[in-house]
């Protein structure tokens, strides 16, 4: 899984929607500092958290799977 690329897409989409990190954190029921650590790759991104974030950001699941499952 290309985590750096996924985190970049998350950050770009969040900014595109004008969502703050505080908004994301509140929606995910965590504090802003912890969300910041996720977005900046300082803590491991779990599959569950990844899907929750992508739902909030209204990102296409097919696009996510292209990032998570590499093509051979």
PDB file of N, CA and C in Angstrom:
ATOM      1  N   UNK A   1       0.856  -1.176   0.000  1.00  0.00           N
ATOM      2  CA  UNK A   1       0.000   0.000   0.000  1.00  0.00           C
ATOM      3  C   UNK A   1       0.900   1.236   0.000  1.00  0.00           C
ATOM      4  N   UNK A   2       0.604   2.166  -0.878  1.00  0.00           N
ATOM      5  CA  UNK A   2       1.372   3.398  -0.944  1.00  0.00           C
ATOM      6  C   UNK A   2       0.746   4.419  -0.002  1.00  0.00           C
ATOM      7  N   UNK A   3       1.126   4.337   1.264  1.00  0.00           N
ATOM      8  CA  UNK A   3       0.523   5.174   2.302  1.00  0.00           C
ATOM      9  C   UNK A   3       0.743   6.657   2.045  1.00  0.00           C
ATOM     10  N   UNK A   4       1.939   7.038   1.633  1.00  0.00           N
ATOM     11  CA  UNK A   4       2.234   8.459   1.399  1.00  0.00           C
ATOM     12  C   UNK A   4       1.300   9.036   0.343  1.00  0.00           C
ATOM     13  N   UNK A   5       1.053   8.292  -0.714  1.00  0.00           N
ATOM     14  CA  UNK A   5       0.169   8.756  -1.790  1.00  0.00           C
ATOM     15  C   UNK A   5      -1.268   8.870  -1.297  1.00  0.00           C
ATOM     16  N   UNK A   6      -1.704   7.923  -0.498  1.00  0.00           N
ATOM     17  CA  UNK A   6      -3.060   7.949   0.060  1.00  0.00           C
ATOM     18  C   UNK A   6      -3.216   9.140   0.996  1.00  0.00           C
ATOM     19  N   UNK A   7      -2.233   9.380   1.857  1.00  0.00           N
ATOM     20  CA  UNK A   7      -2.306  10.502   2.786  1.00  0.00           C
ATOM     21  C   UNK A   7      -2.306  11.832   2.037  1.00  0.00           C
ATOM     22  N   UNK A   8      -1.572  11.906   0.957  1.00  0.00           N
ATOM     23  CA  UNK A   8      -1.564  13.115   0.133  1.00  0.00           C
ATOM     24  C   UNK A   8      -2.948  13.368  -0.467  1.00  0.00           C
ATOM     25  N   UNK A   9      -3.603  12.307  -0.952  1.00  0.00           N
ATOM     26  CA  UNK A   9      -4.959  12.441  -1.499  1.00  0.00           C
ATOM     27  C   UNK A   9      -5.943  12.890  -0.425  1.00  0.00           C
ATOM     28  N   UNK A  10      -5.792  12.335   0.772  1.00  0.00           N
ATOM     29  CA  UNK A  10      -6.666  12.713   1.883  1.00  0.00           C
ATOM     30  C   UNK A  10      -6.505  14.195   2.196  1.00  0.00           C
ATOM     31  N   UNK A  11      -5.277  14.635   2.343  1.00  0.00           N
ATOM     32  CA  UNK A  11      -5.017  16.035   2.685  1.00  0.00           C
ATOM     33  C   UNK A  11      -5.518  16.969   1.583  1.00  0.00           C
ATOM     34  N   UNK A  12      -5.226  16.628   0.329  1.00  0.00           N
ATOM     35  CA  UNK A  12      -5.663  17.463  -0.791  1.00  0.00           C
ATOM     36  C   UNK A  12      -7.180  17.562  -0.861  1.00  0.00           C
ATOM     37  N   UNK A  13      -7.857  16.439  -0.673  1.00  0.00           N
ATOM     38  CA  UNK A  13      -9.322  16.440  -0.736  1.00  0.00           C
ATOM     39  C   UNK A  13      -9.911  17.222   0.440  1.00  0.00           C
ATOM     40  N   UNK A  14      -9.335  17.066   1.621  1.00  0.00           N
ATOM     41  CA  UNK A  14      -9.818  17.809   2.790  1.00  0.00           C
ATOM     42  C   UNK A  14      -9.708  19.301   2.535  1.00  0.00           C
ATOM     43  N   UNK A  15      -8.588  19.722   2.001  1.00  0.00           N
ATOM     44  CA  UNK A  15      -8.392  21.141   1.705  1.00  0.00           C
ATOM     45  C   UNK A  15      -9.328  21.617   0.598  1.00  0.00           C
ATOM     46  N   UNK A  16      -9.542  20.771  -0.383  1.00  0.00           N
ATOM     47  CA  UNK A  16     -10.457  21.095  -1.488  1.00  0.00           C
ATOM     48  C   UNK A  16     -11.869  21.359  -0.963  1.00  0.00           C
ATOM     49  N   UNK A  17     -12.279  20.591   0.029  1.00  0.00           N
ATOM     50  CA  UNK A  17     -13.613  20.738   0.626  1.00  0.00           C
ATOM     51  C   UNK A  17     -13.652  21.823   1.704  1.00  0.00           C
ATOM     52  N   UNK A  18     -12.501  22.440   1.958  1.00  0.00           N
ATOM     53  CA  UNK A  18     -12.379  23.446   3.021  1.00  0.00           C
ATOM     54  C   UNK A  18     -12.732  22.889   4.393  1.00  0.00           C
ATOM     55  N   UNK A  19     -12.374  21.615   4.609  1.00  0.00           N
ATOM     56  CA  UNK A  19     -12.557  21.000   5.915  1.00  0.00           C
ATOM     57  C   UNK A  19     -11.269  21.210   6.711  1.00  0.00           C
ATOM     58  N   UNK A  20     -11.400  21.634   7.934  1.00  0.00           N
ATOM     59  CA  UNK A  20     -10.237  21.780   8.794  1.00  0.00           C
ATOM     60  C   UNK A  20      -9.876  20.421   9.397  1.00  0.00           C
ATOM     61  N   UNK A  21      -8.677  20.343   9.926  1.00  0.00           N
ATOM     62  CA  UNK A  21      -8.298  19.134  10.652  1.00  0.00           C
ATOM     63  C   UNK A  21      -9.183  18.982  11.884  1.00  0.00           C
ATOM     64  N   UNK A  22      -9.565  20.086  12.478  1.00  0.00           N
ATOM     65  CA  UNK A  22     -10.459  20.046  13.644  1.00  0.00           C
ATOM     66  C   UNK A  22     -11.808  19.433  13.272  1.00  0.00           C
ATOM     67  N   UNK A  23     -12.341  19.813  12.114  1.00  0.00           N
ATOM     68  CA  UNK A  23     -13.609  19.245  11.653  1.00  0.00           C
ATOM     69  C   UNK A  23     -13.477  17.736  11.467  1.00  0.00           C
ATOM     70  N   UNK A  24     -12.396  17.330  10.807  1.00  0.00           N
ATOM     71  CA  UNK A  24     -12.179  15.903  10.573  1.00  0.00           C
ATOM     72  C   UNK A  24     -12.073  15.161  11.902  1.00  0.00           C
ATOM     73  N   UNK A  25     -11.297  15.720  12.817  1.00  0.00           N
ATOM     74  CA  UNK A  25     -11.102  15.082  14.112  1.00  0.00           C
ATOM     75  C   UNK A  25     -12.417  14.947  14.866  1.00  0.00           C
ATOM     76  N   UNK A  26     -13.205  16.004  14.873  1.00  0.00           N
ATOM     77  CA  UNK A  26     -14.493  15.972  15.567  1.00  0.00           C
ATOM     78  C   UNK A  26     -15.402  14.919  14.947  1.00  0.00           C
ATOM     79  N   UNK A  27     -15.450  14.868  13.637  1.00  0.00           N
ATOM     80  CA  UNK A  27     -16.287  13.892  12.925  1.00  0.00           C
ATOM     81  C   UNK A  27     -15.835  12.466  13.214  1.00  0.00           C
ATOM     82  N   UNK A  28     -14.534  12.293  13.357  1.00  0.00           N
ATOM     83  CA  UNK A  28     -13.973  10.968  13.647  1.00  0.00           C
ATOM     84  C   UNK A  28     -13.915  10.661  15.142  1.00  0.00           C
ATOM     85  N   UNK A  29     -14.389  11.593  15.962  1.00  0.00           N
ATOM     86  CA  UNK A  29     -14.423  11.452  17.418  1.00  0.00           C
ATOM     87  C   UNK A  29     -13.027  11.242  18.008  1.00  0.00           C
ATOM     88  N   UNK A  30     -12.126  12.162  17.637  1.00  0.00           N
ATOM     89  CA  UNK A  30     -10.772  12.156  18.183  1.00  0.00           C
ATOM     90  C   UNK A  30     -10.327  13.605  18.326  1.00  0.00           C
ATOM     91  N   UNK A  31      -9.166  13.823  18.911  1.00  0.00           N
ATOM     92  CA  UNK A  31      -8.694  15.200  19.004  1.00  0.00           C
ATOM     93  C   UNK A  31      -7.899  15.562  17.753  1.00  0.00           C
ATOM     94  N   UNK A  32      -7.744  16.851  17.523  1.00  0.00           N
ATOM     95  CA  UNK A  32      -7.100  17.348  16.317  1.00  0.00           C
ATOM     96  C   UNK A  32      -5.649  16.888  16.213  1.00  0.00           C
ATOM     97  N   UNK A  33      -4.964  16.828  17.331  1.00  0.00           N
ATOM     98  CA  UNK A  33      -3.574  16.376  17.329  1.00  0.00           C
ATOM     99  C   UNK A  33      -3.418  14.962  16.800  1.00  0.00           C
ATOM    100  N   UNK A  34      -4.331  14.089  17.190  1.00  0.00           N
ATOM    101  CA  UNK A  34      -4.279  12.709  16.703  1.00  0.00           C
ATOM    102  C   UNK A  34      -4.601  12.637  15.218  1.00  0.00           C
ATOM    103  N   UNK A  35      -5.568  13.443  14.779  1.00  0.00           N
ATOM    104  CA  UNK A  35      -5.875  13.448  13.343  1.00  0.00           C
ATOM    105  C   UNK A  35      -4.662  13.951  12.560  1.00  0.00           C
ATOM    106  N   UNK A  36      -4.017  14.985  13.067  1.00  0.00           N
ATOM    107  CA  UNK A  36      -2.832  15.530  12.411  1.00  0.00           C
ATOM    108  C   UNK A  36      -1.760  14.453  12.254  1.00  0.00           C
ATOM    109  N   UNK A  37      -1.586  13.641  13.279  1.00  0.00           N
ATOM    110  CA  UNK A  37      -0.598  12.559  13.219  1.00  0.00           C
ATOM    111  C   UNK A  37      -0.960  11.545  12.138  1.00  0.00           C
ATOM    112  N   UNK A  38      -2.247  11.260  11.983  1.00  0.00           N
ATOM    113  CA  UNK A  38      -2.683  10.345  10.920  1.00  0.00           C
ATOM    114  C   UNK A  38      -2.354  10.945   9.564  1.00  0.00           C
ATOM    115  N   UNK A  39      -2.797  12.175   9.350  1.00  0.00           N
ATOM    116  CA  UNK A  39      -2.643  12.816   8.051  1.00  0.00           C
ATOM    117  C   UNK A  39      -1.172  13.007   7.667  1.00  0.00           C
ATOM    118  N   UNK A  40      -0.313  13.160   8.661  1.00  0.00           N
ATOM    119  CA  UNK A  40       1.104  13.362   8.391  1.00  0.00           C
ATOM    120  C   UNK A  40       1.934  12.086   8.499  1.00  0.00           C
ATOM    121  N   UNK A  41       1.254  10.947   8.633  1.00  0.00           N
ATOM    122  CA  UNK A  41       1.944   9.662   8.616  1.00  0.00           C
ATOM    123  C   UNK A  41       2.759   9.364   9.857  1.00  0.00           C
ATOM    124  N   UNK A  42       2.440  10.023  10.957  1.00  0.00           N
ATOM    125  CA  UNK A  42       3.194   9.813  12.206  1.00  0.00           C
ATOM    126  C   UNK A  42       2.676   8.607  12.995  1.00  0.00           C
ATOM    127  N   UNK A  43       1.461   8.166  12.688  1.00  0.00           N
ATOM    128  CA  UNK A  43       0.906   6.945  13.277  1.00  0.00           C
ATOM    129  C   UNK A  43       0.373   6.074  12.145  1.00  0.00           C
ATOM    130  N   UNK A  44       0.298   4.797  12.405  1.00  0.00           N
ATOM    131  CA  UNK A  44      -0.172   3.861  11.391  1.00  0.00           C
ATOM    132  C   UNK A  44      -1.653   4.100  11.087  1.00  0.00           C
ATOM    133  N   UNK A  45      -1.975   4.124   9.822  1.00  0.00           N
ATOM    134  CA  UNK A  45      -3.340   4.302   9.362  1.00  0.00           C
ATOM    135  C   UNK A  45      -3.995   2.933   9.231  1.00  0.00           C
ATOM    136  N   UNK A  46      -4.993   2.670  10.063  1.00  0.00           N
ATOM    137  CA  UNK A  46      -5.680   1.384   9.996  1.00  0.00           C
ATOM    138  C   UNK A  46      -6.666   1.394   8.829  1.00  0.00           C
ATOM    139  N   UNK A  47      -7.038   0.220   8.374  1.00  0.00           N
ATOM    140  CA  UNK A  47      -8.006   0.106   7.282  1.00  0.00           C
ATOM    141  C   UNK A  47      -9.334   0.734   7.680  1.00  0.00           C
ATOM    142  N   UNK A  48      -9.762   0.507   8.915  1.00  0.00           N
ATOM    143  CA  UNK A  48     -11.030   1.066   9.386  1.00  0.00           C
ATOM    144  C   UNK A  48     -10.996   2.589   9.355  1.00  0.00           C
ATOM    145  N   UNK A  49      -9.919   3.174   9.855  1.00  0.00           N
ATOM    146  CA  UNK A  49      -9.807   4.631   9.865  1.00  0.00           C
ATOM    147  C   UNK A  49      -9.727   5.169   8.448  1.00  0.00           C
ATOM    148  N   UNK A  50      -9.007   4.487   7.596  1.00  0.00           N
ATOM    149  CA  UNK A  50      -8.887   4.905   6.204  1.00  0.00           C
ATOM    150  C   UNK A  50     -10.264   4.977   5.544  1.00  0.00           C
ATOM    151  N   UNK A  51     -11.063   3.949   5.720  1.00  0.00           N
ATOM    152  CA  UNK A  51     -12.400   3.944   5.116  1.00  0.00           C
ATOM    153  C   UNK A  51     -13.293   5.014   5.724  1.00  0.00           C
ATOM    154  N   UNK A  52     -13.185   5.242   7.020  1.00  0.00           N
ATOM    155  CA  UNK A  52     -13.989   6.297   7.662  1.00  0.00           C
ATOM    156  C   UNK A  52     -13.631   7.673   7.096  1.00  0.00           C
ATOM    157  N   UNK A  53     -12.344   7.923   6.924  1.00  0.00           N
ATOM    158  CA  UNK A  53     -11.888   9.200   6.369  1.00  0.00           C
ATOM    159  C   UNK A  53     -12.372   9.355   4.936  1.00  0.00           C
ATOM    160  N   UNK A  54     -12.235   8.310   4.146  1.00  0.00           N
ATOM    161  CA  UNK A  54     -12.650   8.394   2.743  1.00  0.00           C
ATOM    162  C   UNK A  54     -14.153   8.618   2.618  1.00  0.00           C
ATOM    163  N   UNK A  55     -14.941   8.084   3.519  1.00  0.00           N
ATOM    164  CA  UNK A  55     -16.387   8.320   3.500  1.00  0.00           C
ATOM    165  C   UNK A  55     -16.683   9.789   3.798  1.00  0.00           C
ATOM    166  N   UNK A  56     -16.047  10.344   4.813  1.00  0.00           N
ATOM    167  CA  UNK A  56     -16.248  11.754   5.170  1.00  0.00           C
ATOM    168  C   UNK A  56     -15.874  12.657   3.999  1.00  0.00           C
ATOM    169  N   UNK A  57     -14.793  12.317   3.315  1.00  0.00           N
ATOM    170  CA  UNK A  57     -14.305  13.149   2.221  1.00  0.00           C
ATOM    171  C   UNK A  57     -14.979  12.833   0.889  1.00  0.00           C
ATOM    172  N   UNK A  58     -15.923  11.892   0.931  1.00  0.00           N
ATOM    173  CA  UNK A  58     -16.698  11.509  -0.258  1.00  0.00           C
ATOM    174  C   UNK A  58     -15.790  11.108  -1.421  1.00  0.00           C
ATOM    175  N   UNK A  59     -14.788  10.329  -1.087  1.00  0.00           N
ATOM    176  CA  UNK A  59     -13.876   9.835  -2.104  1.00  0.00           C
ATOM    177  C   UNK A  59     -14.377   8.500  -2.635  1.00  0.00           C
ATOM    178  N   UNK A  60     -14.077   8.228  -3.868  1.00  0.00           N
ATOM    179  CA  UNK A  60     -14.535   7.045  -4.570  1.00  0.00           C
ATOM    180  C   UNK A  60     -13.808   5.802  -4.040  1.00  0.00           C
ATOM    181  N   UNK A  61     -14.571   4.807  -3.644  1.00  0.00           N
ATOM    182  CA  UNK A  61     -13.981   3.574  -3.106  1.00  0.00           C
ATOM    183  C   UNK A  61     -13.129   2.867  -4.153  1.00  0.00           C
ATOM    184  N   UNK A  62     -13.526   2.932  -5.409  1.00  0.00           N
ATOM    185  CA  UNK A  62     -12.736   2.306  -6.474  1.00  0.00           C
ATOM    186  C   UNK A  62     -11.347   2.947  -6.566  1.00  0.00           C
ATOM    187  N   UNK A  63     -11.296   4.256  -6.417  1.00  0.00           N
ATOM    188  CA  UNK A  63     -10.014   4.959  -6.433  1.00  0.00           C
ATOM    189  C   UNK A  63      -9.153   4.531  -5.247  1.00  0.00           C
ATOM    190  N   UNK A  64      -9.783   4.382  -4.098  1.00  0.00           N
ATOM    191  CA  UNK A  64      -9.060   3.927  -2.916  1.00  0.00           C
ATOM    192  C   UNK A  64      -8.475   2.543  -3.147  1.00  0.00           C
ATOM    193  N   UNK A  65      -9.263   1.641  -3.695  1.00  0.00           N
ATOM    194  CA  UNK A  65      -8.786   0.280  -3.914  1.00  0.00           C
ATOM    195  C   UNK A  65      -7.619   0.243  -4.893  1.00  0.00           C
ATOM    196  N   UNK A  66      -7.610   1.149  -5.857  1.00  0.00           N
ATOM    197  CA  UNK A  66      -6.484   1.215  -6.788  1.00  0.00           C
ATOM    198  C   UNK A  66      -5.194   1.552  -6.046  1.00  0.00           C
ATOM    199  N   UNK A  67      -5.300   2.354  -4.990  1.00  0.00           N
ATOM    200  CA  UNK A  67      -4.128   2.726  -4.194  1.00  0.00           C
ATOM    201  C   UNK A  67      -3.719   1.614  -3.237  1.00  0.00           C
ATOM    202  N   UNK A  68      -4.705   0.921  -2.682  1.00  0.00           N
ATOM    203  CA  UNK A  68      -4.442  -0.089  -1.660  1.00  0.00           C
ATOM    204  C   UNK A  68      -3.977  -1.398  -2.268  1.00  0.00           C
ATOM    205  N   UNK A  69      -4.569  -1.768  -3.396  1.00  0.00           N
ATOM    206  CA  UNK A  69      -4.240  -3.043  -4.042  1.00  0.00           C
ATOM    207  C   UNK A  69      -3.424  -2.749  -5.300  1.00  0.00           C
ATOM    208  N   UNK A  70      -2.125  -2.943  -5.231  1.00  0.00           N
ATOM    209  CA  UNK A  70      -1.287  -2.632  -6.396  1.00  0.00           C
ATOM    210  C   UNK A  70      -1.567  -3.580  -7.555  1.00  0.00           C
ATOM    211  N   UNK A  71      -1.446  -3.044  -8.742  1.00  0.00           N
ATOM    212  CA  UNK A  71      -1.607  -3.872  -9.958  1.00  0.00           C
ATOM    213  C   UNK A  71      -0.282  -4.544 -10.269  1.00  0.00           C
ATOM    214  N   UNK A  72      -0.361  -5.739 -10.811  1.00  0.00           N
ATOM    215  CA  UNK A  72       0.863  -6.456 -11.227  1.00  0.00           C
ATOM    216  C   UNK A  72       1.058  -6.308 -12.707  1.00  0.00           C
TER     217      UNK A  72
END
